[in-house]
N, C-alpha and C. Protein backbone atom coordinates (compact mmCIF):
# COMPACT_ATOMS: atom_id res chain seq x y z
N UNK A 1 52.69 15.83 62.52
CA UNK A 1 52.83 17.14 61.91
C UNK A 1 51.87 18.08 62.64
N UNK A 2 52.42 19.20 63.14
CA UNK A 2 51.60 20.17 63.85
C UNK A 2 51.45 21.48 63.09
N UNK A 3 52.30 21.71 62.11
CA UNK A 3 52.23 22.94 61.30
C UNK A 3 52.66 22.62 59.89
N UNK A 4 51.89 23.10 58.93
CA UNK A 4 52.18 22.89 57.51
C UNK A 4 51.62 24.10 56.78
N UNK A 5 52.50 25.06 56.46
CA UNK A 5 52.00 26.35 55.95
C UNK A 5 51.66 26.28 54.45
N UNK A 6 51.03 27.35 53.90
CA UNK A 6 50.63 27.35 52.49
C UNK A 6 51.81 27.15 51.52
N UNK A 7 52.99 27.67 51.85
CA UNK A 7 54.15 27.46 50.98
C UNK A 7 54.52 25.99 50.92
N UNK A 8 54.45 25.30 52.07
CA UNK A 8 54.74 23.86 52.09
C UNK A 8 53.71 23.11 51.26
N UNK A 9 52.47 23.55 51.36
CA UNK A 9 51.39 22.96 50.56
C UNK A 9 51.70 23.11 49.07
N UNK A 10 52.08 24.32 48.68
CA UNK A 10 52.35 24.62 47.27
C UNK A 10 53.53 23.80 46.75
N UNK A 11 54.62 23.78 47.49
CA UNK A 11 55.84 23.10 47.04
C UNK A 11 55.64 21.58 46.97
N UNK A 12 55.00 21.03 47.99
CA UNK A 12 54.85 19.57 48.04
C UNK A 12 53.66 19.06 47.25
N UNK A 13 52.67 19.95 47.03
CA UNK A 13 51.44 19.52 46.36
C UNK A 13 50.54 18.72 47.28
N UNK A 14 50.81 18.78 48.59
CA UNK A 14 50.04 18.03 49.59
C UNK A 14 49.15 19.01 50.34
N UNK A 15 47.88 18.64 50.51
CA UNK A 15 46.92 19.47 51.24
C UNK A 15 47.21 19.43 52.74
N UNK A 16 47.15 20.59 53.37
CA UNK A 16 47.44 20.71 54.81
C UNK A 16 46.58 19.76 55.62
N UNK A 17 45.30 19.66 55.29
CA UNK A 17 44.39 18.82 56.07
C UNK A 17 44.80 17.35 56.05
N UNK A 18 45.43 16.91 54.97
CA UNK A 18 45.83 15.50 54.89
C UNK A 18 47.15 15.22 55.63
N UNK A 19 47.81 16.27 56.11
CA UNK A 19 49.10 16.11 56.78
C UNK A 19 49.00 16.34 58.28
N UNK A 20 48.28 17.37 58.68
CA UNK A 20 48.19 17.72 60.10
C UNK A 20 47.67 16.54 60.92
N UNK A 21 48.36 16.27 62.03
CA UNK A 21 47.96 15.18 62.92
C UNK A 21 48.46 13.82 62.50
N UNK A 22 49.16 13.73 61.37
CA UNK A 22 49.70 12.46 60.90
C UNK A 22 51.21 12.43 61.11
N UNK A 23 51.77 11.21 61.13
CA UNK A 23 53.21 11.08 61.21
C UNK A 23 53.83 11.62 59.93
N UNK A 24 54.92 12.36 60.07
CA UNK A 24 55.55 13.02 58.93
C UNK A 24 55.97 12.02 57.86
N UNK A 25 56.45 10.86 58.29
CA UNK A 25 56.94 9.87 57.32
C UNK A 25 55.80 9.28 56.48
N UNK A 26 54.55 9.35 56.97
CA UNK A 26 53.41 8.88 56.18
C UNK A 26 53.12 9.84 55.03
N UNK A 27 53.28 11.14 55.29
CA UNK A 27 52.94 12.15 54.28
C UNK A 27 54.12 12.55 53.41
N UNK A 28 55.27 12.69 54.03
CA UNK A 28 56.49 13.09 53.31
C UNK A 28 57.60 12.13 53.74
N UNK A 29 57.69 10.97 53.08
CA UNK A 29 58.62 9.93 53.52
C UNK A 29 60.09 10.35 53.55
N UNK A 30 60.49 11.25 52.68
CA UNK A 30 61.92 11.63 52.64
C UNK A 30 62.17 12.99 53.30
N UNK A 31 61.36 13.37 54.28
CA UNK A 31 61.50 14.69 54.90
C UNK A 31 62.77 14.80 55.74
N UNK A 32 63.27 13.68 56.29
CA UNK A 32 64.45 13.71 57.14
C UNK A 32 64.17 14.12 58.56
N UNK A 33 62.95 14.52 58.85
CA UNK A 33 62.62 14.99 60.20
C UNK A 33 62.71 13.87 61.24
N UNK A 34 62.35 12.66 60.87
CA UNK A 34 62.43 11.53 61.81
C UNK A 34 63.87 11.32 62.27
N UNK A 35 64.80 11.46 61.35
CA UNK A 35 66.22 11.31 61.67
C UNK A 35 66.66 12.40 62.65
N UNK A 36 66.23 13.65 62.41
CA UNK A 36 66.59 14.76 63.28
C UNK A 36 65.99 14.55 64.67
N UNK A 37 64.77 14.02 64.73
CA UNK A 37 64.14 13.71 66.02
C UNK A 37 64.97 12.69 66.80
N UNK A 38 65.48 11.67 66.11
CA UNK A 38 66.25 10.62 66.77
C UNK A 38 67.64 11.09 67.20
N UNK A 39 68.32 11.84 66.32
CA UNK A 39 69.71 12.22 66.59
C UNK A 39 69.84 13.53 67.34
N UNK A 40 68.86 14.42 67.17
CA UNK A 40 68.96 15.76 67.78
C UNK A 40 69.96 16.65 67.09
N UNK A 41 70.40 16.24 65.90
CA UNK A 41 71.42 16.98 65.16
C UNK A 41 70.76 17.68 63.95
N UNK A 42 71.04 18.96 63.83
CA UNK A 42 70.51 19.73 62.70
C UNK A 42 71.17 19.28 61.39
N UNK A 43 70.41 19.33 60.32
CA UNK A 43 70.91 19.02 58.98
C UNK A 43 70.65 20.26 58.13
N UNK A 44 71.73 20.92 57.74
CA UNK A 44 71.61 22.20 57.05
C UNK A 44 71.97 22.10 55.58
N UNK A 45 71.30 22.91 54.78
CA UNK A 45 71.58 23.06 53.34
C UNK A 45 71.53 21.72 52.60
N UNK A 46 70.54 20.92 52.88
CA UNK A 46 70.38 19.63 52.23
C UNK A 46 69.52 19.79 50.98
N UNK A 47 69.95 19.17 49.88
CA UNK A 47 69.15 19.20 48.65
C UNK A 47 68.43 17.86 48.52
N UNK A 48 67.17 17.94 48.08
CA UNK A 48 66.42 16.72 47.86
C UNK A 48 65.25 17.02 46.94
N UNK A 49 64.58 15.96 46.52
CA UNK A 49 63.39 16.10 45.69
C UNK A 49 62.15 15.83 46.54
N UNK A 50 61.14 16.66 46.32
CA UNK A 50 59.81 16.41 46.88
C UNK A 50 58.85 16.58 45.72
N UNK A 51 58.20 15.51 45.34
CA UNK A 51 57.33 15.55 44.17
C UNK A 51 58.16 15.90 42.95
N UNK A 52 57.73 16.94 42.21
CA UNK A 52 58.46 17.37 41.02
C UNK A 52 59.43 18.50 41.33
N UNK A 53 59.58 18.85 42.59
CA UNK A 53 60.41 19.99 42.98
C UNK A 53 61.76 19.54 43.51
N UNK A 54 62.77 20.34 43.21
CA UNK A 54 64.06 20.22 43.87
C UNK A 54 64.05 21.27 44.97
N UNK A 55 64.40 20.88 46.18
CA UNK A 55 64.39 21.83 47.29
C UNK A 55 65.74 21.83 47.98
N UNK A 56 65.97 22.91 48.72
CA UNK A 56 67.07 22.94 49.68
C UNK A 56 66.39 23.14 51.03
N UNK A 57 66.84 22.38 52.01
CA UNK A 57 66.16 22.38 53.30
C UNK A 57 67.13 22.45 54.46
N UNK A 58 66.67 23.08 55.53
CA UNK A 58 67.35 23.07 56.82
C UNK A 58 66.40 22.37 57.79
N UNK A 59 66.90 21.31 58.42
CA UNK A 59 66.10 20.57 59.40
C UNK A 59 66.77 20.73 60.76
N UNK A 60 66.00 21.16 61.73
CA UNK A 60 66.57 21.43 63.06
C UNK A 60 65.70 20.81 64.14
N UNK A 61 66.36 20.33 65.22
CA UNK A 61 65.59 19.81 66.34
C UNK A 61 65.00 20.98 67.15
N UNK A 62 63.87 20.73 67.77
CA UNK A 62 63.29 21.68 68.72
C UNK A 62 63.61 21.12 70.10
N UNK A 63 64.33 21.89 70.89
CA UNK A 63 64.83 21.40 72.19
C UNK A 63 64.23 22.23 73.32
N UNK A 64 63.75 21.53 74.34
CA UNK A 64 63.22 22.18 75.54
C UNK A 64 63.73 21.41 76.74
N UNK A 65 64.31 22.12 77.69
CA UNK A 65 64.88 21.48 78.89
C UNK A 65 65.86 20.37 78.52
N UNK A 66 66.72 20.65 77.55
CA UNK A 66 67.74 19.72 77.07
C UNK A 66 67.17 18.42 76.49
N UNK A 67 65.92 18.45 76.05
CA UNK A 67 65.30 17.27 75.47
C UNK A 67 64.70 17.64 74.11
N UNK A 68 64.89 16.77 73.12
CA UNK A 68 64.33 16.99 71.79
C UNK A 68 62.83 16.70 71.87
N UNK A 69 62.03 17.74 71.61
CA UNK A 69 60.59 17.58 71.69
C UNK A 69 59.92 17.68 70.31
N UNK A 70 60.71 17.94 69.30
CA UNK A 70 60.16 18.06 67.95
C UNK A 70 61.26 18.40 66.96
N UNK A 71 60.83 18.63 65.73
CA UNK A 71 61.78 19.02 64.69
C UNK A 71 61.03 19.89 63.68
N UNK A 72 61.78 20.76 63.04
CA UNK A 72 61.20 21.65 62.04
C UNK A 72 62.05 21.59 60.78
N UNK A 73 61.37 21.63 59.64
CA UNK A 73 62.06 21.68 58.35
C UNK A 73 61.63 22.96 57.65
N UNK A 74 62.59 23.71 57.23
CA UNK A 74 62.35 24.92 56.44
C UNK A 74 62.94 24.62 55.07
N UNK A 75 62.13 24.76 54.03
CA UNK A 75 62.64 24.41 52.71
C UNK A 75 62.20 25.41 51.66
N UNK A 76 63.02 25.45 50.60
CA UNK A 76 62.79 26.39 49.51
C UNK A 76 62.90 25.64 48.19
N UNK A 77 61.96 25.92 47.30
CA UNK A 77 61.96 25.32 45.97
C UNK A 77 63.09 25.95 45.15
N UNK A 78 64.00 25.12 44.67
CA UNK A 78 65.11 25.63 43.86
C UNK A 78 65.07 25.05 42.45
N UNK A 79 63.93 24.48 42.06
CA UNK A 79 63.79 23.88 40.74
C UNK A 79 64.14 24.89 39.66
N UNK A 80 63.57 26.09 39.75
CA UNK A 80 63.82 27.12 38.74
C UNK A 80 65.28 27.58 38.77
N UNK A 81 65.84 27.69 39.96
CA UNK A 81 67.25 28.09 40.07
C UNK A 81 68.16 27.07 39.40
N UNK A 82 67.85 25.79 39.57
CA UNK A 82 68.66 24.76 38.94
C UNK A 82 68.53 24.81 37.42
N UNK A 83 67.33 25.10 36.93
CA UNK A 83 67.14 25.22 35.48
C UNK A 83 67.94 26.41 34.95
N UNK A 84 67.94 27.51 35.69
CA UNK A 84 68.71 28.69 35.30
C UNK A 84 70.20 28.38 35.33
N UNK A 85 70.65 27.66 36.35
CA UNK A 85 72.06 27.29 36.45
C UNK A 85 72.48 26.41 35.27
N UNK A 86 71.62 25.48 34.88
CA UNK A 86 71.93 24.62 33.72
C UNK A 86 71.99 25.45 32.45
N UNK A 87 71.07 26.40 32.31
CA UNK A 87 71.07 27.27 31.14
C UNK A 87 72.33 28.13 31.12
N UNK A 88 72.74 28.61 32.28
CA UNK A 88 73.96 29.42 32.37
C UNK A 88 75.18 28.61 31.93
N UNK A 89 75.25 27.36 32.33
CA UNK A 89 76.36 26.49 31.90
C UNK A 89 76.37 26.33 30.39
N UNK A 90 75.19 26.18 29.79
CA UNK A 90 75.08 26.07 28.34
C UNK A 90 75.56 27.35 27.67
N UNK A 91 75.17 28.49 28.21
CA UNK A 91 75.58 29.78 27.66
C UNK A 91 77.10 29.95 27.80
N UNK A 92 77.66 29.56 28.94
CA UNK A 92 79.11 29.65 29.14
C UNK A 92 79.85 28.80 28.11
N UNK A 93 79.34 27.61 27.87
CA UNK A 93 79.95 26.72 26.88
C UNK A 93 79.87 27.33 25.48
N UNK A 94 78.72 27.87 25.13
CA UNK A 94 78.55 28.51 23.83
C UNK A 94 79.48 29.71 23.70
N UNK A 95 79.58 30.52 24.75
CA UNK A 95 80.47 31.69 24.73
C UNK A 95 81.92 31.25 24.51
N UNK A 96 82.33 30.20 25.20
CA UNK A 96 83.69 29.69 25.04
C UNK A 96 83.94 29.21 23.62
N UNK A 97 82.96 28.53 23.03
CA UNK A 97 83.08 28.06 21.65
C UNK A 97 83.19 29.23 20.68
N UNK A 98 82.33 30.24 20.87
CA UNK A 98 82.37 31.41 19.99
C UNK A 98 83.69 32.16 20.12
N UNK A 99 84.18 32.31 21.36
CA UNK A 99 85.47 32.99 21.56
C UNK A 99 86.59 32.23 20.87
N UNK A 100 86.56 30.91 20.96
CA UNK A 100 87.58 30.09 20.28
C UNK A 100 87.51 30.27 18.78
N UNK A 101 86.30 30.31 18.24
CA UNK A 101 86.13 30.50 16.79
C UNK A 101 86.64 31.87 16.37
N UNK A 102 86.31 32.88 17.13
CA UNK A 102 86.75 34.25 16.80
C UNK A 102 88.27 34.37 16.87
N UNK A 103 88.87 33.72 17.83
CA UNK A 103 90.33 33.76 17.97
C UNK A 103 91.03 32.97 16.88
N UNK A 104 90.35 32.01 16.26
CA UNK A 104 91.01 31.16 15.28
C UNK A 104 91.04 31.77 13.87
N UNK A 105 90.26 32.82 13.62
CA UNK A 105 90.28 33.42 12.29
C UNK A 105 91.43 34.42 12.19
N UNK A 106 91.88 34.66 10.96
CA UNK A 106 92.99 35.58 10.75
C UNK A 106 92.53 37.02 10.59
N UNK A 107 91.25 37.22 10.29
CA UNK A 107 90.72 38.58 10.14
C UNK A 107 90.66 39.24 11.52
N UNK A 108 90.82 40.55 11.50
CA UNK A 108 90.69 41.30 12.74
C UNK A 108 89.23 41.50 13.09
N UNK A 109 88.89 41.24 14.35
CA UNK A 109 87.52 41.41 14.81
C UNK A 109 87.54 42.23 16.09
N UNK A 110 86.69 43.26 16.11
CA UNK A 110 86.53 44.07 17.31
C UNK A 110 85.03 44.28 17.52
N UNK A 111 84.62 44.28 18.78
CA UNK A 111 83.22 44.51 19.14
C UNK A 111 83.19 45.70 20.09
N UNK A 112 82.24 46.62 19.83
CA UNK A 112 82.06 47.78 20.72
C UNK A 112 80.62 47.84 21.17
N UNK A 113 80.41 48.49 22.33
CA UNK A 113 79.04 48.71 22.78
C UNK A 113 78.50 49.98 22.14
N UNK A 114 77.32 50.39 22.50
CA UNK A 114 76.65 51.53 21.88
C UNK A 114 77.45 52.83 22.07
N UNK A 115 78.22 52.92 23.14
CA UNK A 115 79.02 54.12 23.40
C UNK A 115 80.38 54.08 22.71
N UNK A 116 80.68 52.98 21.99
CA UNK A 116 81.97 52.87 21.31
C UNK A 116 83.07 52.30 22.19
N UNK A 117 82.70 51.73 23.33
CA UNK A 117 83.69 51.11 24.22
C UNK A 117 83.95 49.69 23.74
N UNK A 118 85.22 49.34 23.63
CA UNK A 118 85.60 48.00 23.16
C UNK A 118 85.21 46.96 24.22
N UNK A 119 84.44 45.95 23.77
CA UNK A 119 84.06 44.86 24.67
C UNK A 119 84.80 43.57 24.33
N UNK A 120 85.36 43.52 23.10
CA UNK A 120 86.12 42.34 22.70
C UNK A 120 86.96 42.67 21.48
N UNK A 121 88.14 42.10 21.44
CA UNK A 121 89.01 42.20 20.26
C UNK A 121 89.74 40.88 20.15
N UNK A 122 89.81 40.33 18.93
CA UNK A 122 90.54 39.07 18.81
C UNK A 122 92.04 39.35 18.69
N UNK A 123 92.81 38.29 18.92
CA UNK A 123 94.27 38.40 18.96
C UNK A 123 94.85 38.86 17.62
N UNK A 124 94.26 38.40 16.51
CA UNK A 124 94.76 38.79 15.19
C UNK A 124 94.72 40.30 15.02
N UNK A 125 93.60 40.92 15.44
CA UNK A 125 93.49 42.37 15.30
C UNK A 125 94.44 43.08 16.27
N UNK A 126 94.56 42.54 17.46
CA UNK A 126 95.51 43.11 18.42
C UNK A 126 96.93 43.11 17.88
N UNK A 127 97.33 41.99 17.28
CA UNK A 127 98.68 41.89 16.70
C UNK A 127 98.85 42.87 15.55
N UNK A 128 97.83 42.98 14.70
CA UNK A 128 97.89 43.91 13.58
C UNK A 128 98.06 45.35 14.07
N UNK A 129 97.34 45.70 15.13
CA UNK A 129 97.41 47.06 15.68
C UNK A 129 98.62 47.28 16.58
N UNK A 130 99.25 46.17 17.00
CA UNK A 130 100.38 46.28 17.92
C UNK A 130 99.94 46.56 19.35
N UNK A 131 98.77 46.02 19.73
CA UNK A 131 98.26 46.22 21.09
C UNK A 131 97.88 44.87 21.69
N UNK A 132 97.74 44.85 23.00
CA UNK A 132 97.26 43.67 23.71
C UNK A 132 95.74 43.63 23.57
N UNK A 133 95.23 42.63 22.85
CA UNK A 133 93.79 42.56 22.55
C UNK A 133 92.93 42.57 23.82
N UNK A 134 93.34 41.86 24.83
CA UNK A 134 92.57 41.85 26.08
C UNK A 134 92.75 43.15 26.86
N UNK A 135 93.89 43.74 26.72
CA UNK A 135 94.20 44.98 27.45
C UNK A 135 93.44 46.19 26.97
N UNK A 136 92.93 46.16 25.73
CA UNK A 136 92.22 47.33 25.20
C UNK A 136 90.73 47.32 25.54
N UNK A 137 90.24 46.20 26.06
CA UNK A 137 88.83 46.12 26.45
C UNK A 137 88.57 47.20 27.52
N UNK A 138 87.50 47.94 27.31
CA UNK A 138 87.15 49.02 28.23
C UNK A 138 87.56 50.39 27.73
N UNK A 139 88.40 50.43 26.67
CA UNK A 139 88.82 51.70 26.07
C UNK A 139 87.86 52.09 24.96
N UNK A 140 87.78 53.40 24.70
CA UNK A 140 86.97 53.84 23.56
C UNK A 140 87.70 53.44 22.29
N UNK A 141 86.98 52.99 21.31
CA UNK A 141 87.55 52.46 20.07
C UNK A 141 88.41 53.49 19.35
N UNK A 142 88.06 54.78 19.43
CA UNK A 142 88.85 55.82 18.75
C UNK A 142 90.22 56.01 19.39
N UNK A 143 90.38 55.57 20.63
CA UNK A 143 91.68 55.65 21.29
C UNK A 143 92.62 54.53 20.85
N UNK A 144 92.08 53.51 20.23
CA UNK A 144 92.87 52.33 19.87
C UNK A 144 93.02 52.16 18.36
N UNK A 145 91.96 52.44 17.60
CA UNK A 145 91.97 52.21 16.15
C UNK A 145 91.89 53.56 15.43
N UNK A 146 92.95 53.93 14.71
CA UNK A 146 92.94 55.21 13.98
C UNK A 146 91.87 55.21 12.88
N UNK A 147 91.23 56.33 12.68
CA UNK A 147 90.27 56.55 11.60
C UNK A 147 89.06 55.62 11.64
N UNK A 148 88.76 55.04 12.77
CA UNK A 148 87.64 54.10 12.83
C UNK A 148 86.30 54.83 12.79
N UNK A 149 85.31 54.08 12.37
CA UNK A 149 83.92 54.59 12.39
C UNK A 149 83.02 53.62 13.17
N UNK A 150 83.63 52.74 13.93
CA UNK A 150 82.86 51.76 14.69
C UNK A 150 81.86 52.44 15.62
N UNK A 151 82.30 53.49 16.28
CA UNK A 151 81.42 54.19 17.22
C UNK A 151 80.25 54.84 16.49
N UNK A 152 80.47 55.27 15.25
CA UNK A 152 79.40 55.88 14.46
C UNK A 152 78.36 54.83 14.10
N UNK A 153 78.81 53.66 13.65
CA UNK A 153 77.89 52.57 13.30
C UNK A 153 77.12 52.11 14.54
N UNK A 154 77.79 52.08 15.68
CA UNK A 154 77.12 51.69 16.93
C UNK A 154 76.05 52.69 17.32
N UNK A 155 76.21 53.94 16.90
CA UNK A 155 75.22 54.97 17.22
C UNK A 155 74.09 55.03 16.20
N UNK A 156 74.44 55.03 14.91
CA UNK A 156 73.39 55.22 13.91
C UNK A 156 72.76 53.92 13.39
N UNK A 157 73.41 52.79 13.65
CA UNK A 157 72.84 51.50 13.25
C UNK A 157 72.91 51.20 11.77
N UNK A 158 73.69 51.99 10.99
CA UNK A 158 73.79 51.77 9.55
C UNK A 158 75.08 51.01 9.23
N UNK A 159 74.95 49.83 8.63
CA UNK A 159 76.15 49.05 8.32
C UNK A 159 76.99 49.72 7.23
N UNK A 160 78.27 49.43 7.27
CA UNK A 160 79.21 49.92 6.25
C UNK A 160 79.96 48.70 5.74
N UNK A 161 79.85 48.43 4.43
CA UNK A 161 80.42 47.22 3.86
C UNK A 161 81.62 47.54 2.97
N UNK A 162 82.69 46.77 3.14
CA UNK A 162 83.87 46.77 2.27
C UNK A 162 84.41 48.17 2.02
N UNK A 163 84.59 48.93 3.08
CA UNK A 163 85.16 50.28 2.96
C UNK A 163 86.66 50.21 3.20
N UNK A 164 87.39 51.07 2.53
CA UNK A 164 88.84 51.13 2.70
C UNK A 164 89.15 52.09 3.84
N UNK A 165 90.02 51.62 4.75
CA UNK A 165 90.43 52.44 5.90
C UNK A 165 91.94 52.35 6.01
N UNK A 166 92.57 53.47 6.25
CA UNK A 166 94.02 53.51 6.43
C UNK A 166 94.34 53.33 7.90
N UNK A 167 95.12 52.29 8.21
CA UNK A 167 95.60 52.06 9.58
C UNK A 167 97.11 51.96 9.50
N UNK A 168 97.78 52.95 10.03
CA UNK A 168 99.24 53.00 9.96
C UNK A 168 99.69 53.10 8.52
N UNK A 169 100.51 52.17 8.08
CA UNK A 169 101.01 52.13 6.71
C UNK A 169 100.16 51.25 5.80
N UNK A 170 99.05 50.73 6.33
CA UNK A 170 98.25 49.75 5.58
C UNK A 170 96.87 50.30 5.23
N UNK A 171 96.45 49.96 4.02
CA UNK A 171 95.06 50.17 3.65
C UNK A 171 94.35 48.84 3.88
N UNK A 172 93.26 48.88 4.62
CA UNK A 172 92.53 47.65 4.92
C UNK A 172 91.08 47.80 4.47
N UNK A 173 90.46 46.69 4.16
CA UNK A 173 89.05 46.66 3.80
C UNK A 173 88.28 46.27 5.06
N UNK A 174 87.33 47.11 5.45
CA UNK A 174 86.59 46.85 6.69
C UNK A 174 85.09 46.80 6.42
N UNK A 175 84.44 46.00 7.22
CA UNK A 175 82.98 45.95 7.25
C UNK A 175 82.58 46.19 8.69
N UNK A 176 81.67 47.13 8.87
CA UNK A 176 81.19 47.47 10.21
C UNK A 176 79.69 47.18 10.25
N UNK A 177 79.30 46.31 11.17
CA UNK A 177 77.91 45.88 11.23
C UNK A 177 77.34 46.19 12.61
N UNK A 178 76.17 46.85 12.65
CA UNK A 178 75.56 47.11 13.96
C UNK A 178 75.07 45.81 14.60
N UNK A 179 75.16 45.74 15.91
CA UNK A 179 74.62 44.62 16.66
C UNK A 179 73.25 45.04 17.19
N UNK A 180 72.24 44.26 16.87
CA UNK A 180 70.87 44.60 17.25
C UNK A 180 70.33 43.54 18.18
N UNK A 181 69.75 43.99 19.28
CA UNK A 181 69.12 43.09 20.24
C UNK A 181 67.74 43.63 20.55
N UNK A 182 66.73 42.78 20.40
CA UNK A 182 65.33 43.18 20.64
C UNK A 182 64.97 44.46 19.90
N UNK A 183 65.45 44.58 18.65
CA UNK A 183 65.12 45.71 17.82
C UNK A 183 65.88 46.99 18.12
N UNK A 184 66.84 46.95 19.03
CA UNK A 184 67.61 48.13 19.41
C UNK A 184 69.10 47.90 19.14
N UNK A 185 69.78 48.89 18.58
CA UNK A 185 71.21 48.80 18.34
C UNK A 185 71.93 48.87 19.68
N UNK A 186 72.75 47.85 19.96
CA UNK A 186 73.47 47.78 21.23
C UNK A 186 74.98 47.86 21.06
N UNK A 187 75.43 47.96 19.82
CA UNK A 187 76.86 48.01 19.57
C UNK A 187 77.15 47.76 18.10
N UNK A 188 78.41 47.40 17.83
CA UNK A 188 78.82 47.11 16.45
C UNK A 188 79.97 46.12 16.48
N UNK A 189 80.15 45.43 15.33
CA UNK A 189 81.25 44.49 15.16
C UNK A 189 81.89 44.76 13.82
């Protein structure tokens, strides 16, 4: 080993002084550099573990006068990225479950953002209104639902419970609840 920078020290947990001048396989047995030295073939985008870290690495031969004279490994800690990816998968699964639950109820459900733009509508409500539930996403709620106050609740944050609203030929009982995130109203359902 002829170069071992502070980032390599941090990721591997190995002190530079204990690595410099030693064979790479003694300090980092799974570095893959010995293989690159022997084959002269670069190994790109390889994932592996070093200590407690998951890394992605590119290992390349150093060539001079058509002869392999060394090898270099450039690596990046992706441990946190993998944790975020796993969390994202969990969130996707939860979102899918919630969407299935919302679609399975017979009550009409609509969600708007703070500006009153529809972000979700279940199929039951779409059928009741005579609209394509997915097709109305992105429209202002007043353009789709007659006499609605969803946009008002999304603005003022005051819930409205069991109010009668006329939609077409039907009187319906509606509850409008503000959606609050981190203490701020971000929409209504």
